[in-house]
Amino acid sequence: MGSFSIWHWLVVLVIVALIFGTKKLRNIGSDLGGAVKGFKEGMREANDDKPAEPIAQQRVSGETIDVQAKEKSNS
């Protein structure tokens, strides 16, 4: 009894189609598809606009640099 058979899913699909109507379901599907397409285009544009910048690394050969961190207080 863990999973539903194909007949259970067909009955659920018929009930959903009767409640919402096929036109509304079609509109929901096209809206969802348009949103996914827009998201993919936005991600592609964001990756094209800004190429990856290399991380700047500063190396000091053979020396140790001691640094004391101070807490900034807002007065």
PDB file of N, CA and C in Angstrom:
ATOM      1  N   MET A   1       0.822  -1.198   0.000  1.00  0.00           N
ATOM      2  CA  MET A   1       0.000   0.000   0.000  1.00  0.00           C
ATOM      3  C   MET A   1       0.861   1.255   0.000  1.00  0.00           C
ATOM      4  N   GLY A   2       2.148   1.120  -0.289  1.00  0.00           N
ATOM      5  CA  GLY A   2       3.055   2.258  -0.256  1.00  0.00           C
ATOM      6  C   GLY A   2       2.926   3.192  -1.441  1.00  0.00           C
ATOM      7  N   SER A   3       2.612   2.662  -2.623  1.00  0.00           N
ATOM      8  CA  SER A   3       2.504   3.528  -3.795  1.00  0.00           C
ATOM      9  C   SER A   3       1.149   3.343  -4.456  1.00  0.00           C
ATOM     10  N   PHE A   4       0.753   4.338  -5.220  1.00  0.00           N
ATOM     11  CA  PHE A   4      -0.530   4.285  -5.897  1.00  0.00           C
ATOM     12  C   PHE A   4      -0.361   3.655  -7.274  1.00  0.00           C
ATOM     13  N   SER A   5      -1.403   3.009  -7.742  1.00  0.00           N
ATOM     14  CA  SER A   5      -1.362   2.420  -9.077  1.00  0.00           C
ATOM     15  C   SER A   5      -1.710   3.491 -10.106  1.00  0.00           C
ATOM     16  N   ILE A   6      -1.598   3.131 -11.359  1.00  0.00           N
ATOM     17  CA  ILE A   6      -1.905   4.071 -12.442  1.00  0.00           C
ATOM     18  C   ILE A   6      -3.369   4.497 -12.394  1.00  0.00           C
ATOM     19  N   TRP A   7      -4.244   3.607 -11.944  1.00  0.00           N
ATOM     20  CA  TRP A   7      -5.667   3.945 -11.881  1.00  0.00           C
ATOM     21  C   TRP A   7      -5.946   5.021 -10.831  1.00  0.00           C
ATOM     22  N   HIS A   8      -5.236   4.975  -9.730  1.00  0.00           N
ATOM     23  CA  HIS A   8      -5.395   6.022  -8.715  1.00  0.00           C
ATOM     24  C   HIS A   8      -5.011   7.379  -9.284  1.00  0.00           C
ATOM     25  N   TRP A   9      -3.888   7.422 -10.001  1.00  0.00           N
ATOM     26  CA  TRP A   9      -3.425   8.693 -10.570  1.00  0.00           C
ATOM     27  C   TRP A   9      -4.369   9.199 -11.658  1.00  0.00           C
ATOM     28  N   LEU A  10      -4.957   8.302 -12.450  1.00  0.00           N
ATOM     29  CA  LEU A  10      -5.919   8.716 -13.468  1.00  0.00           C
ATOM     30  C   LEU A  10      -7.173   9.320 -12.835  1.00  0.00           C
ATOM     31  N   VAL A  11      -7.640   8.731 -11.752  1.00  0.00           N
ATOM     32  CA  VAL A  11      -8.811   9.275 -11.052  1.00  0.00           C
ATOM     33  C   VAL A  11      -8.485  10.651 -10.485  1.00  0.00           C
ATOM     34  N   VAL A  12      -7.310  10.816  -9.904  1.00  0.00           N
ATOM     35  CA  VAL A  12      -6.905  12.120  -9.365  1.00  0.00           C
ATOM     36  C   VAL A  12      -6.822  13.147 -10.488  1.00  0.00           C
ATOM     37  N   LEU A  13      -6.259  12.761 -11.634  1.00  0.00           N
ATOM     38  CA  LEU A  13      -6.147  13.670 -12.767  1.00  0.00           C
ATOM     39  C   LEU A  13      -7.516  14.107 -13.279  1.00  0.00           C
ATOM     40  N   VAL A  14      -8.463  13.182 -13.367  1.00  0.00           N
ATOM     41  CA  VAL A  14      -9.819  13.512 -13.811  1.00  0.00           C
ATOM     42  C   VAL A  14     -10.489  14.465 -12.831  1.00  0.00           C
ATOM     43  N   ILE A  15     -10.339  14.222 -11.546  1.00  0.00           N
ATOM     44  CA  ILE A  15     -10.948  15.097 -10.534  1.00  0.00           C
ATOM     45  C   ILE A  15     -10.352  16.505 -10.608  1.00  0.00           C
ATOM     46  N   VAL A  16      -9.036  16.600 -10.740  1.00  0.00           N
ATOM     47  CA  VAL A  16      -8.389  17.908 -10.845  1.00  0.00           C
ATOM     48  C   VAL A  16      -8.856  18.627 -12.108  1.00  0.00           C
ATOM     49  N   ALA A  17      -8.967  17.914 -13.228  1.00  0.00           N
ATOM     50  CA  ALA A  17      -9.431  18.521 -14.472  1.00  0.00           C
ATOM     51  C   ALA A  17     -10.869  19.005 -14.339  1.00  0.00           C
ATOM     52  N   LEU A  18     -11.706  18.261 -13.632  1.00  0.00           N
ATOM     53  CA  LEU A  18     -13.091  18.688 -13.438  1.00  0.00           C
ATOM     54  C   LEU A  18     -13.189  19.914 -12.535  1.00  0.00           C
ATOM     55  N   ILE A  19     -12.355  19.975 -11.520  1.00  0.00           N
ATOM     56  CA  ILE A  19     -12.417  21.102 -10.577  1.00  0.00           C
ATOM     57  C   ILE A  19     -11.861  22.375 -11.217  1.00  0.00           C
ATOM     58  N   PHE A  20     -10.669  22.300 -11.797  1.00  0.00           N
ATOM     59  CA  PHE A  20     -10.018  23.504 -12.303  1.00  0.00           C
ATOM     60  C   PHE A  20     -10.334  23.792 -13.766  1.00  0.00           C
ATOM     61  N   GLY A  21     -10.687  22.799 -14.537  1.00  0.00           N
ATOM     62  CA  GLY A  21     -10.938  22.993 -15.956  1.00  0.00           C
ATOM     63  C   GLY A  21      -9.639  22.900 -16.742  1.00  0.00           C
ATOM     64  N   THR A  22      -9.735  22.419 -17.956  1.00  0.00           N
ATOM     65  CA  THR A  22      -8.521  22.198 -18.749  1.00  0.00           C
ATOM     66  C   THR A  22      -7.880  23.507 -19.194  1.00  0.00           C
ATOM     67  N   LYS A  23      -8.681  24.550 -19.416  1.00  0.00           N
ATOM     68  CA  LYS A  23      -8.121  25.830 -19.860  1.00  0.00           C
ATOM     69  C   LYS A  23      -7.248  26.441 -18.769  1.00  0.00           C
ATOM     70  N   LYS A  24      -7.723  26.413 -17.540  1.00  0.00           N
ATOM     71  CA  LYS A  24      -6.942  26.976 -16.440  1.00  0.00           C
ATOM     72  C   LYS A  24      -5.666  26.176 -16.218  1.00  0.00           C
ATOM     73  N   LEU A  25      -5.748  24.845 -16.310  1.00  0.00           N
ATOM     74  CA  LEU A  25      -4.557  24.001 -16.156  1.00  0.00           C
ATOM     75  C   LEU A  25      -3.547  24.283 -17.267  1.00  0.00           C
ATOM     76  N   ARG A  26      -4.021  24.511 -18.483  1.00  0.00           N
ATOM     77  CA  ARG A  26      -3.142  24.828 -19.600  1.00  0.00           C
ATOM     78  C   ARG A  26      -2.438  26.169 -19.358  1.00  0.00           C
ATOM     79  N   ASN A  27      -3.183  27.153 -18.835  1.00  0.00           N
ATOM     80  CA  ASN A  27      -2.589  28.461 -18.539  1.00  0.00           C
ATOM     81  C   ASN A  27      -1.544  28.362 -17.437  1.00  0.00           C
ATOM     82  N   ILE A  28      -1.819  27.564 -16.424  1.00  0.00           N
ATOM     83  CA  ILE A  28      -0.859  27.384 -15.338  1.00  0.00           C
ATOM     84  C   ILE A  28       0.419  26.752 -15.870  1.00  0.00           C
ATOM     85  N   GLY A  29       0.272  25.754 -16.739  1.00  0.00           N
ATOM     86  CA  GLY A  29       1.440  25.092 -17.323  1.00  0.00           C
ATOM     87  C   GLY A  29       2.278  26.036 -18.166  1.00  0.00           C
ATOM     88  N   SER A  30       1.628  26.868 -18.985  1.00  0.00           N
ATOM     89  CA  SER A  30       2.390  27.799 -19.826  1.00  0.00           C
ATOM     90  C   SER A  30       3.048  28.887 -18.981  1.00  0.00           C
ATOM     91  N   ASP A  31       2.375  29.348 -17.928  1.00  0.00           N
ATOM     92  CA  ASP A  31       2.981  30.338 -17.036  1.00  0.00           C
ATOM     93  C   ASP A  31       4.205  29.773 -16.324  1.00  0.00           C
ATOM     94  N   LEU A  32       4.098  28.554 -15.865  1.00  0.00           N
ATOM     95  CA  LEU A  32       5.218  27.903 -15.188  1.00  0.00           C
ATOM     96  C   LEU A  32       6.383  27.697 -16.154  1.00  0.00           C
ATOM     97  N   GLY A  33       6.077  27.271 -17.370  1.00  0.00           N
ATOM     98  CA  GLY A  33       7.129  27.097 -18.380  1.00  0.00           C
ATOM     99  C   GLY A  33       7.814  28.409 -18.727  1.00  0.00           C
ATOM    100  N   GLY A  34       7.047  29.489 -18.833  1.00  0.00           N
ATOM    101  CA  GLY A  34       7.628  30.811 -19.112  1.00  0.00           C
ATOM    102  C   GLY A  34       8.515  31.294 -17.975  1.00  0.00           C
ATOM    103  N   ALA A  35       8.103  31.003 -16.742  1.00  0.00           N
ATOM    104  CA  ALA A  35       8.911  31.411 -15.599  1.00  0.00           C
ATOM    105  C   ALA A  35      10.239  30.662 -15.570  1.00  0.00           C
ATOM    106  N   VAL A  36      10.209  29.372 -15.869  1.00  0.00           N
ATOM    107  CA  VAL A  36      11.445  28.577 -15.890  1.00  0.00           C
ATOM    108  C   VAL A  36      12.361  29.064 -17.013  1.00  0.00           C
ATOM    109  N   LYS A  37      11.784  29.358 -18.171  1.00  0.00           N
ATOM    110  CA  LYS A  37      12.569  29.848 -19.304  1.00  0.00           C
ATOM    111  C   LYS A  37      13.211  31.195 -18.973  1.00  0.00           C
ATOM    112  N   GLY A  38      12.457  32.093 -18.354  1.00  0.00           N
ATOM    113  CA  GLY A  38      13.001  33.388 -17.955  1.00  0.00           C
ATOM    114  C   GLY A  38      14.115  33.255 -16.931  1.00  0.00           C
ATOM    115  N   PHE A  39      13.960  32.319 -15.994  1.00  0.00           N
ATOM    116  CA  PHE A  39      14.994  32.092 -14.990  1.00  0.00           C
ATOM    117  C   PHE A  39      16.278  31.599 -15.642  1.00  0.00           C
ATOM    118  N   LYS A  40      16.153  30.668 -16.585  1.00  0.00           N
ATOM    119  CA  LYS A  40      17.336  30.144 -17.276  1.00  0.00           C
ATOM    120  C   LYS A  40      18.043  31.240 -18.067  1.00  0.00           C
ATOM    121  N   GLU A  41      17.277  32.099 -18.752  1.00  0.00           N
ATOM    122  CA  GLU A  41      17.877  33.189 -19.514  1.00  0.00           C
ATOM    123  C   GLU A  41      18.580  34.178 -18.583  1.00  0.00           C
ATOM    124  N   GLY A  42      17.976  34.459 -17.445  1.00  0.00           N
ATOM    125  CA  GLY A  42      18.590  35.363 -16.480  1.00  0.00           C
ATOM    126  C   GLY A  42      19.895  34.817 -15.935  1.00  0.00           C
ATOM    127  N   MET A  43      19.923  33.531 -15.646  1.00  0.00           N
ATOM    128  CA  MET A  43      21.154  32.910 -15.152  1.00  0.00           C
ATOM    129  C   MET A  43      22.234  32.924 -16.223  1.00  0.00           C
ATOM    130  N   ARG A  44      21.852  32.701 -17.477  1.00  0.00           N
ATOM    131  CA  ARG A  44      22.814  32.702 -18.568  1.00  0.00           C
ATOM    132  C   ARG A  44      23.389  34.113 -18.758  1.00  0.00           C
ATOM    133  N   GLU A  45      22.535  35.141 -18.683  1.00  0.00           N
ATOM    134  CA  GLU A  45      23.001  36.518 -18.832  1.00  0.00           C
ATOM    135  C   GLU A  45      23.911  36.924 -17.678  1.00  0.00           C
ATOM    136  N   ALA A  46      23.582  36.491 -16.484  1.00  0.00           N
ATOM    137  CA  ALA A  46      24.414  36.833 -15.332  1.00  0.00           C
ATOM    138  C   ALA A  46      25.795  36.214 -15.460  1.00  0.00           C
ATOM    139  N   ASN A  47      25.884  35.018 -16.001  1.00  0.00           N
ATOM    140  CA  ASN A  47      27.176  34.366 -16.176  1.00  0.00           C
ATOM    141  C   ASN A  47      27.957  34.983 -17.319  1.00  0.00           C
ATOM    142  N   ASP A  48      27.281  35.483 -18.352  1.00  0.00           N
ATOM    143  CA  ASP A  48      27.963  36.084 -19.492  1.00  0.00           C
ATOM    144  C   ASP A  48      28.492  37.479 -19.178  1.00  0.00           C
ATOM    145  N   ASP A  49      27.774  38.237 -18.345  1.00  0.00           N
ATOM    146  CA  ASP A  49      28.158  39.622 -18.057  1.00  0.00           C
ATOM    147  C   ASP A  49      29.425  39.735 -17.227  1.00  0.00           C
ATOM    148  N   LYS A  50      29.563  38.899 -16.239  1.00  0.00           N
ATOM    149  CA  LYS A  50      30.685  39.014 -15.312  1.00  0.00           C
ATOM    150  C   LYS A  50      31.557  37.767 -15.400  1.00  0.00           C
ATOM    151  N   PRO A  51      32.692  37.873 -16.072  1.00  0.00           N
ATOM    152  CA  PRO A  51      33.585  36.717 -16.082  1.00  0.00           C
ATOM    153  C   PRO A  51      34.193  36.519 -14.697  1.00  0.00           C
ATOM    154  N   ALA A  52      34.561  35.325 -14.416  1.00  0.00           N
ATOM    155  CA  ALA A  52      35.120  35.002 -13.105  1.00  0.00           C
ATOM    156  C   ALA A  52      36.430  35.746 -12.903  1.00  0.00           C
ATOM    157  N   GLU A  53      36.532  36.440 -11.764  1.00  0.00           N
ATOM    158  CA  GLU A  53      37.746  37.172 -11.442  1.00  0.00           C
ATOM    159  C   GLU A  53      38.655  36.283 -10.601  1.00  0.00           C
ATOM    160  N   PRO A  54      39.920  36.245 -10.945  1.00  0.00           N
ATOM    161  CA  PRO A  54      40.825  35.423 -10.131  1.00  0.00           C
ATOM    162  C   PRO A  54      40.998  36.041  -8.743  1.00  0.00           C
ATOM    163  N   ILE A  55      41.165  35.184  -7.773  1.00  0.00           N
ATOM    164  CA  ILE A  55      41.363  35.641  -6.401  1.00  0.00           C
ATOM    165  C   ILE A  55      42.795  36.127  -6.257  1.00  0.00           C
ATOM    166  N   ALA A  56      42.923  37.351  -5.777  1.00  0.00           N
ATOM    167  CA  ALA A  56      44.257  37.924  -5.602  1.00  0.00           C
ATOM    168  C   ALA A  56      44.936  37.274  -4.408  1.00  0.00           C
ATOM    169  N   GLN A  57      46.131  36.811  -4.637  1.00  0.00           N
ATOM    170  CA  GLN A  57      46.890  36.201  -3.553  1.00  0.00           C
ATOM    171  C   GLN A  57      48.177  36.991  -3.362  1.00  0.00           C
ATOM    172  N   GLN A  58      48.439  37.288  -2.122  1.00  0.00           N
ATOM    173  CA  GLN A  58      49.641  38.041  -1.805  1.00  0.00           C
ATOM    174  C   GLN A  58      50.561  37.116  -1.017  1.00  0.00           C
ATOM    175  N   ARG A  59      51.755  36.943  -1.512  1.00  0.00           N
ATOM    176  CA  ARG A  59      52.693  36.045  -0.852  1.00  0.00           C
ATOM    177  C   ARG A  59      53.909  36.830  -0.382  1.00  0.00           C
ATOM    178  N   VAL A  60      54.326  36.495   0.784  1.00  0.00           N
ATOM    179  CA  VAL A  60      55.542  37.079   1.326  1.00  0.00           C
ATOM    180  C   VAL A  60      56.506  35.925   1.526  1.00  0.00           C
ATOM    181  N   SER A  61      57.633  36.029   0.884  1.00  0.00           N
ATOM    182  CA  SER A  61      58.559  34.902   0.935  1.00  0.00           C
ATOM    183  C   SER A  61      59.420  34.957   2.191  1.00  0.00           C
ATOM    184  N   GLY A  62      59.335  33.913   3.004  1.00  0.00           N
ATOM    185  CA  GLY A  62      60.215  33.750   4.147  1.00  0.00           C
ATOM    186  C   GLY A  62      59.958  34.670   5.323  1.00  0.00           C
ATOM    187  N   GLU A  63      58.914  35.474   5.310  1.00  0.00           N
ATOM    188  CA  GLU A  63      58.653  36.389   6.428  1.00  0.00           C
ATOM    189  C   GLU A  63      57.313  36.061   7.063  1.00  0.00           C
ATOM    190  N   THR A  64      57.236  36.281   8.362  1.00  0.00           N
ATOM    191  CA  THR A  64      55.987  36.110   9.081  1.00  0.00           C
ATOM    192  C   THR A  64      55.461  37.485   9.434  1.00  0.00           C
ATOM    193  N   ILE A  65      54.203  37.709   9.152  1.00  0.00           N
ATOM    194  CA  ILE A  65      53.593  39.007   9.439  1.00  0.00           C
ATOM    195  C   ILE A  65      52.647  38.819  10.609  1.00  0.00           C
ATOM    196  N   ASP A  66      52.890  39.571  11.693  1.00  0.00           N
ATOM    197  CA  ASP A  66      52.019  39.523  12.854  1.00  0.00           C
ATOM    198  C   ASP A  66      51.015  40.660  12.752  1.00  0.00           C
ATOM    199  N   VAL A  67      49.764  40.329  12.956  1.00  0.00           N
ATOM    200  CA  VAL A  67      48.689  41.313  12.843  1.00  0.00           C
ATOM    201  C   VAL A  67      47.826  41.205  14.088  1.00  0.00           C
ATOM    202  N   GLN A  68      47.442  42.357  14.618  1.00  0.00           N
ATOM    203  CA  GLN A  68      46.558  42.373  15.761  1.00  0.00           C
ATOM    204  C   GLN A  68      45.220  42.932  15.309  1.00  0.00           C
ATOM    205  N   ALA A  69      44.159  42.165  15.495  1.00  0.00           N
ATOM    206  CA  ALA A  69      42.839  42.601  15.095  1.00  0.00           C
ATOM    207  C   ALA A  69      42.210  43.377  16.228  1.00  0.00           C
ATOM    208  N   LYS A  70      41.622  44.511  15.901  1.00  0.00           N
ATOM    209  CA  LYS A  70      40.946  45.335  16.903  1.00  0.00           C
ATOM    210  C   LYS A  70      39.462  45.380  16.563  1.00  0.00           C
ATOM    211  N   GLU A  71      38.655  45.384  17.608  1.00  0.00           N
ATOM    212  CA  GLU A  71      37.217  45.411  17.400  1.00  0.00           C
ATOM    213  C   GLU A  71      36.769  46.856  17.198  1.00  0.00           C
ATOM    214  N   LYS A  72      35.961  47.051  16.191  1.00  0.00           N
ATOM    215  CA  LYS A  72      35.462  48.387  15.903  1.00  0.00           C
ATOM    216  C   LYS A  72      34.221  48.628  16.740  1.00  0.00           C
ATOM    217  N   SER A  73      34.201  49.740  17.442  1.00  0.00           N
ATOM    218  CA  SER A  73      33.042  50.061  18.277  1.00  0.00           C
ATOM    219  C   SER A  73      32.300  51.254  17.673  1.00  0.00           C
ATOM    220  N   ASN A  74      30.983  51.194  17.724  1.00  0.00           N
ATOM    221  CA  ASN A  74      30.149  52.291  17.229  1.00  0.00           C
ATOM    222  C   ASN A  74      29.766  53.186  18.395  1.00  0.00           C
ATOM    223  N   SER A  75      30.176  54.430  18.338  1.00  0.00           N
ATOM    224  CA  SER A  75      29.883  55.363  19.446  1.00  0.00           C
ATOM    225  C   SER A  75      28.776  56.313  19.064  1.00  0.00           C
TER     226      SER A  75
END
